[in-house]
């Protein structure tokens, strides 16, 4: 219905369109209209709360899964460094992360935080593939974490502990680094190496389909990546640059439904300095974007566009043993975990003529 006051044409008044159903006239039918609006307002608030909880759980699930360093947040300098063929490495590591969780500002989620302990045991072996330097690795992680926050005034908390998804990695240098034995490697001077790798995460972690948050993800994940390593002439500086993407299969048993996640694209840059053989320090930074999740057709507001910075140090203890320590923090965190993380790793080398 269109209406205009008398004399509107002289005031250049633009008629406003009104809806009779929203007009209050004092009749009894107005009460039904008001009840209709109230019910829809309450329904909107319930849906908003459900979406808020979904986003909280989605981000919490990602944080638990990534606590082992598998996902986009990882900062790993010298990932494409080469070793003599036949060298084996056993690695034990522990990491502690604490900090806030960031969400879409329009959602009623406040005071969200997490504390996560993560340990891992791994094995690495350097191999010869068609005359090129390559390596394989496998890691089995264990995670214990507490996540909490206020969702529209309701305190929500989750504690989980158990084995996380295991993963394996294959890497090969395509340019600049042929396979070498220990004697040949002792005379090797690195310049520029280019390699590729693929990480496969298997759904071996502890998982309960009835729970919104589990340690395991009940899905396969794949990360193809290309890496460049360059040692600057007449200096002890080395630059690493990687670019890759995490690609996920769907979890078809998530609380009776399906949960899927879009790829997360990431890049890393590291500048390290050799103090002496096997003793080095590195400055680390990464950038990652993506990871939007969908649960039973409902897309969450959890697109990640974040960055982390950190430092890493590797210190030899003996000829066969070394310790690696690192610290990292969020540089930019729009959605996800704004964590400070400290980690400590022990490595033992054998084989390959060592």
Foldseek 3Di string as FASTA:
>chain_A
DWDDDPPCVVVVHDIDDDDPLCDDDPDPVVVVSVVVVVVVVVVVVVVLLVLLVLQLLLQVQVCLQCVQVPDFAHWDPPPVPFDAAWKKKKKKKKKWKWFAFAFDVVFQKPPKIKIKIKIKIKMKGWHADPQWIKIKMKMKMKMWMKIWIQGNNRIDIDTATWTEWIKMKIKTWPPFGTHHFPVVVVPDDGAKIKMKMKMKTDQPIDDDQQDSHYSYDQWIKMKIKIKMKGQDPPFQKIKIKMWIKIAIDWRQRRNNGIKHWHIKIKMKMKIKGDPDVQWIKIKIKMWIWGTFMDIRNRTHRATWTWMKIKMKTWAADDPFKIKIKMWMATPDTNGHGGIIMIMMMIMGMDTSVD
